Amino acid sequence: MAAEQTQSELTTTIALGLRELSKLSEKHLEEQLALLSPEDRAVVSEIQGSKGEKAMVLILRGANKGSRFLITSEGVSVGRSASSSIFLDDVTVSRTHATISKHGKSFVLKDEGSLNGTYINNVSVTEHVLVSGDEFQIGKFHLLFVGSN
C-alpha cells in the first residue's frame, strides 16, 4: 500500500514521461521530420546541411508543440523567463533552466541548476553533447535536437 501511495504521489517531472525515451533512431528522426510542413522540412534541410554552423530545437510535446528555434554560435537560453531564447511557459520549468551553447562543431546542453532537472533518455544530465535526433525533457516539454549530418 505504501508503495502504491508513493507512486501516485510522485509529482516530479520524470514521472510525467515514464514512457521509454531511448535515443531516437535515424528512422524515428525521419518520422518526426516527415510530420512537418514542407516549409519546416526545407528549413530542417538547410540546418542539416549547415556543416555544424547551425542547429534547431523542435517542441515535440507540451504547449507550443511544433514550434522551432534556431541555434547559432551565440547559443540559446531555455527557461520560463520571458527573456529566454526558448521560452517554455510552465511551472515545471525554472526561470533559467538550461542553455545550449556551441563548442567547436558541437552543441552542448547544460542544466543551469534547475529545480526539476534536464533529462535525456530518462536520465538526469547536467551537461550533454547533443547529436541530431536527441530528444530531451525540460519540465513537461519534450524537445528534439536537429543538427547537421
C-alpha atoms as a PDB file:
ATOM      1  CA  MET A   1       0.000   0.000   0.000  1.00  0.00           C
ATOM      2  CA  ALA A   2       2.797   2.414   0.888  1.00  0.00           C
ATOM      3  CA  ALA A   3       4.496   1.740  -2.455  1.00  0.00           C
ATOM      4  CA  GLU A   4       1.218   2.383  -4.318  1.00  0.00           C
ATOM      5  CA  GLN A   5       0.670   5.603  -2.374  1.00  0.00           C
ATOM      6  CA  THR A   6       4.220   6.794  -3.027  1.00  0.00           C
ATOM      7  CA  GLN A   7       3.853   6.038  -6.755  1.00  0.00           C
ATOM      8  CA  SER A   8       0.610   8.017  -7.063  1.00  0.00           C
ATOM      9  CA  GLU A   9       2.024  10.950  -5.098  1.00  0.00           C
ATOM     10  CA  LEU A  10       5.108  11.266  -7.271  1.00  0.00           C
ATOM     11  CA  THR A  11       4.961  14.717  -8.856  1.00  0.00           C
ATOM     12  CA  THR A  12       8.426  15.237 -10.278  1.00  0.00           C
ATOM     13  CA  THR A  13       8.716  15.819 -13.994  1.00  0.00           C
ATOM     14  CA  ILE A  14      10.367  12.442 -14.541  1.00  0.00           C
ATOM     15  CA  ALA A  15       7.010  10.837 -13.686  1.00  0.00           C
ATOM     16  CA  LEU A  16       5.365  12.865 -16.438  1.00  0.00           C
ATOM     17  CA  GLY A  17       7.294  10.994 -19.106  1.00  0.00           C
ATOM     18  CA  LEU A  18       7.820   7.454 -17.891  1.00  0.00           C
ATOM     19  CA  ARG A  19       7.500   6.286 -21.483  1.00  0.00           C
ATOM     20  CA  GLU A  20      10.679   4.868 -22.910  1.00  0.00           C
ATOM     21  CA  LEU A  21      12.786   7.800 -24.118  1.00  0.00           C
ATOM     22  CA  SER A  22      15.587   5.763 -25.598  1.00  0.00           C
ATOM     23  CA  LYS A  23      17.810   7.512 -28.084  1.00  0.00           C
ATOM     24  CA  LEU A  24      15.890   8.176 -31.262  1.00  0.00           C
ATOM     25  CA  SER A  25      16.895   6.100 -34.217  1.00  0.00           C
ATOM     26  CA  GLU A  26      17.515   7.608 -37.614  1.00  0.00           C
ATOM     27  CA  LYS A  27      14.157   6.187 -38.709  1.00  0.00           C
ATOM     28  CA  HIS A  28      12.332   7.832 -35.802  1.00  0.00           C
ATOM     29  CA  LEU A  29      14.020  11.154 -36.538  1.00  0.00           C
ATOM     30  CA  GLU A  30      12.880  10.862 -40.150  1.00  0.00           C
ATOM     31  CA  GLU A  31       9.338  10.038 -38.983  1.00  0.00           C
ATOM     32  CA  GLN A  32       9.250  13.138 -36.765  1.00  0.00           C
ATOM     33  CA  LEU A  33      10.562  15.341 -39.548  1.00  0.00           C
ATOM     34  CA  ALA A  34       8.048  13.870 -42.024  1.00  0.00           C
ATOM     35  CA  LEU A  35       5.256  15.292 -39.850  1.00  0.00           C
ATOM     36  CA  LEU A  36       6.482  18.833 -40.513  1.00  0.00           C
ATOM     37  CA  SER A  37       5.097  21.160 -43.147  1.00  0.00           C
ATOM     38  CA  PRO A  38       7.031  21.432 -46.429  1.00  0.00           C
ATOM     39  CA  GLU A  39       8.320  24.857 -45.322  1.00  0.00           C
ATOM     40  CA  ASP A  40       9.577  23.456 -41.996  1.00  0.00           C
ATOM     41  CA  ARG A  41      11.202  20.494 -43.788  1.00  0.00           C
ATOM     42  CA  ALA A  42      13.047  22.948 -46.058  1.00  0.00           C
ATOM     43  CA  VAL A  43      14.383  24.790 -43.001  1.00  0.00           C
ATOM     44  CA  VAL A  44      15.447  21.492 -41.384  1.00  0.00           C
ATOM     45  CA  SER A  45      17.206  20.509 -44.618  1.00  0.00           C
ATOM     46  CA  GLU A  46      19.162  23.754 -44.510  1.00  0.00           C
ATOM     47  CA  ILE A  47      20.121  23.075 -40.861  1.00  0.00           C
ATOM     48  CA  GLN A  48      21.233  19.525 -41.667  1.00  0.00           C
ATOM     49  CA  GLY A  49      23.454  20.839 -44.455  1.00  0.00           C
ATOM     50  CA  SER A  50      24.994  23.645 -42.383  1.00  0.00           C
ATOM     51  CA  LYS A  51      28.186  21.683 -41.533  1.00  0.00           C
ATOM     52  CA  GLY A  52      27.741  22.258 -37.792  1.00  0.00           C
ATOM     53  CA  GLU A  53      27.214  26.014 -38.003  1.00  0.00           C
ATOM     54  CA  LYS A  54      23.536  25.950 -37.010  1.00  0.00           C
ATOM     55  CA  ALA A  55      21.107  23.654 -35.227  1.00  0.00           C
ATOM     56  CA  MET A  56      17.444  23.645 -34.325  1.00  0.00           C
ATOM     57  CA  VAL A  57      15.202  22.576 -31.464  1.00  0.00           C
ATOM     58  CA  LEU A  58      11.630  21.461 -32.151  1.00  0.00           C
ATOM     59  CA  ILE A  59       8.987  21.092 -29.431  1.00  0.00           C
ATOM     60  CA  LEU A  60       7.545  17.572 -29.755  1.00  0.00           C
ATOM     61  CA  ARG A  61       5.350  17.517 -26.644  1.00  0.00           C
ATOM     62  CA  GLY A  62       3.975  20.297 -24.482  1.00  0.00           C
ATOM     63  CA  ALA A  63       2.493  23.727 -25.065  1.00  0.00           C
ATOM     64  CA  ASN A  64       3.570  25.237 -28.384  1.00  0.00           C
ATOM     65  CA  LYS A  65       4.075  21.771 -29.894  1.00  0.00           C
ATOM     66  CA  GLY A  66       5.660  22.161 -33.317  1.00  0.00           C
ATOM     67  CA  SER A  67       7.493  25.395 -32.503  1.00  0.00           C
ATOM     68  CA  ARG A  68      11.046  25.536 -33.812  1.00  0.00           C
ATOM     69  CA  PHE A  69      14.029  27.503 -32.533  1.00  0.00           C
ATOM     70  CA  LEU A  70      17.250  28.226 -34.412  1.00  0.00           C
ATOM     71  CA  ILE A  71      20.536  27.785 -32.548  1.00  0.00           C
ATOM     72  CA  THR A  72      23.614  29.577 -33.867  1.00  0.00           C
ATOM     73  CA  SER A  73      27.108  30.168 -32.496  1.00  0.00           C
ATOM     74  CA  GLU A  74      25.634  32.613 -29.939  1.00  0.00           C
ATOM     75  CA  GLY A  75      23.766  29.735 -28.277  1.00  0.00           C
ATOM     76  CA  VAL A  76      20.378  29.961 -26.548  1.00  0.00           C
ATOM     77  CA  SER A  77      18.891  30.061 -23.076  1.00  0.00           C
ATOM     78  CA  VAL A  78      15.938  27.825 -22.194  1.00  0.00           C
ATOM     79  CA  GLY A  79      13.538  28.679 -19.410  1.00  0.00           C
ATOM     80  CA  ARG A  80      10.360  30.172 -18.034  1.00  0.00           C
ATOM     81  CA  SER A  81      11.759  33.707 -18.088  1.00  0.00           C
ATOM     82  CA  ALA A  82      10.237  35.806 -20.866  1.00  0.00           C
ATOM     83  CA  SER A  83      13.781  36.820 -21.789  1.00  0.00           C
ATOM     84  CA  SER A  84      14.748  33.197 -22.598  1.00  0.00           C
ATOM     85  CA  SER A  85      15.558  32.433 -26.230  1.00  0.00           C
ATOM     86  CA  ILE A  86      13.416  29.299 -25.896  1.00  0.00           C
ATOM     87  CA  PHE A  87      10.519  30.357 -23.663  1.00  0.00           C
ATOM     88  CA  LEU A  88       8.756  27.393 -22.050  1.00  0.00           C
ATOM     89  CA  ASP A  89       5.801  28.750 -20.095  1.00  0.00           C
ATOM     90  CA  ASP A  90       5.082  26.177 -17.388  1.00  0.00           C
ATOM     91  CA  VAL A  91       5.768  25.984 -13.633  1.00  0.00           C
ATOM     92  CA  THR A  92       7.747  22.746 -14.158  1.00  0.00           C
ATOM     93  CA  VAL A  93      10.403  24.821 -15.952  1.00  0.00           C
ATOM     94  CA  SER A  94      12.833  27.013 -13.995  1.00  0.00           C
ATOM     95  CA  ARG A  95      13.225  30.658 -14.998  1.00  0.00           C
ATOM     96  CA  THR A  96      16.781  29.950 -16.136  1.00  0.00           C
ATOM     97  CA  HIS A  97      16.568  26.201 -16.736  1.00  0.00           C
ATOM     98  CA  ALA A  98      19.253  25.318 -19.284  1.00  0.00           C
ATOM     99  CA  THR A  99      21.487  26.631 -22.035  1.00  0.00           C
ATOM    100  CA  ILE A 100      22.605  25.265 -25.378  1.00  0.00           C
ATOM    101  CA  SER A 101      25.993  26.561 -26.469  1.00  0.00           C
ATOM    102  CA  LYS A 102      28.299  25.878 -29.379  1.00  0.00           C
ATOM    103  CA  HIS A 103      31.690  24.276 -28.720  1.00  0.00           C
ATOM    104  CA  GLY A 104      33.615  23.768 -31.945  1.00  0.00           C
ATOM    105  CA  LYS A 105      31.267  21.890 -34.288  1.00  0.00           C
ATOM    106  CA  SER A 106      29.185  20.529 -31.383  1.00  0.00           C
ATOM    107  CA  PHE A 107      26.265  21.910 -29.400  1.00  0.00           C
ATOM    108  CA  VAL A 108      26.170  21.288 -25.644  1.00  0.00           C
ATOM    109  CA  LEU A 109      23.050  21.209 -23.466  1.00  0.00           C
ATOM    110  CA  LYS A 110      23.767  22.344 -19.903  1.00  0.00           C
ATOM    111  CA  ASP A 111      21.336  22.354 -16.981  1.00  0.00           C
ATOM    112  CA  GLU A 112      21.737  25.629 -15.105  1.00  0.00           C
ATOM    113  CA  GLY A 113      20.845  24.276 -11.642  1.00  0.00           C
ATOM    114  CA  SER A 114      17.134  23.910 -12.373  1.00  0.00           C
ATOM    115  CA  LEU A 115      14.749  22.589  -9.723  1.00  0.00           C
ATOM    116  CA  ASN A 116      13.290  19.730 -11.801  1.00  0.00           C
ATOM    117  CA  GLY A 117      16.355  18.891 -13.874  1.00  0.00           C
ATOM    118  CA  THR A 118      17.014  18.187 -17.534  1.00  0.00           C
ATOM    119  CA  TYR A 119      16.650  14.632 -18.862  1.00  0.00           C
ATOM    120  CA  ILE A 120      17.922  12.653 -21.815  1.00  0.00           C
ATOM    121  CA  ASN A 121      16.655   9.066 -22.013  1.00  0.00           C
ATOM    122  CA  ASN A 122      15.054   9.405 -18.534  1.00  0.00           C
ATOM    123  CA  VAL A 123      18.485  10.142 -17.090  1.00  0.00           C
ATOM    124  CA  SER A 124      19.150  13.451 -15.384  1.00  0.00           C
ATOM    125  CA  VAL A 125      22.045  15.276 -17.022  1.00  0.00           C
ATOM    126  CA  THR A 126      23.978  18.360 -16.032  1.00  0.00           C
ATOM    127  CA  GLU A 127      25.786  18.585 -19.368  1.00  0.00           C
ATOM    128  CA  HIS A 128      25.390  16.649 -22.609  1.00  0.00           C
ATOM    129  CA  VAL A 129      26.880  16.941 -26.103  1.00  0.00           C
ATOM    130  CA  LEU A 130      23.833  16.896 -28.382  1.00  0.00           C
ATOM    131  CA  VAL A 131      23.630  14.835 -31.559  1.00  0.00           C
ATOM    132  CA  SER A 132      20.955  15.149 -34.204  1.00  0.00           C
ATOM    133  CA  GLY A 133      17.934  13.144 -33.075  1.00  0.00           C
ATOM    134  CA  ASP A 134      18.437  13.600 -29.321  1.00  0.00           C
ATOM    135  CA  GLU A 135      15.127  14.035 -27.521  1.00  0.00           C
ATOM    136  CA  PHE A 136      15.390  15.819 -24.194  1.00  0.00           C
ATOM    137  CA  GLN A 137      12.915  16.730 -21.479  1.00  0.00           C
ATOM    138  CA  ILE A 138      12.672  20.041 -19.652  1.00  0.00           C
ATOM    139  CA  GLY A 139       9.681  20.140 -17.333  1.00  0.00           C
ATOM    140  CA  LYS A 140       6.641  18.840 -19.227  1.00  0.00           C
ATOM    141  CA  PHE A 141       8.248  19.656 -22.575  1.00  0.00           C
ATOM    142  CA  HIS A 142       9.893  17.122 -24.872  1.00  0.00           C
ATOM    143  CA  LEU A 143      12.241  18.711 -27.396  1.00  0.00           C
ATOM    144  CA  LEU A 144      14.024  17.308 -30.428  1.00  0.00           C
ATOM    145  CA  PHE A 145      17.513  18.473 -31.371  1.00  0.00           C
ATOM    146  CA  VAL A 146      18.280  18.646 -35.092  1.00  0.00           C
ATOM    147  CA  GLY A 147      21.868  19.250 -36.119  1.00  0.00           C
ATOM    148  CA  SER A 148      23.896  18.818 -39.272  1.00  0.00           C
ATOM    149  CA  ASN A 149      24.565  15.392 -40.753  1.00  0.00           C
END
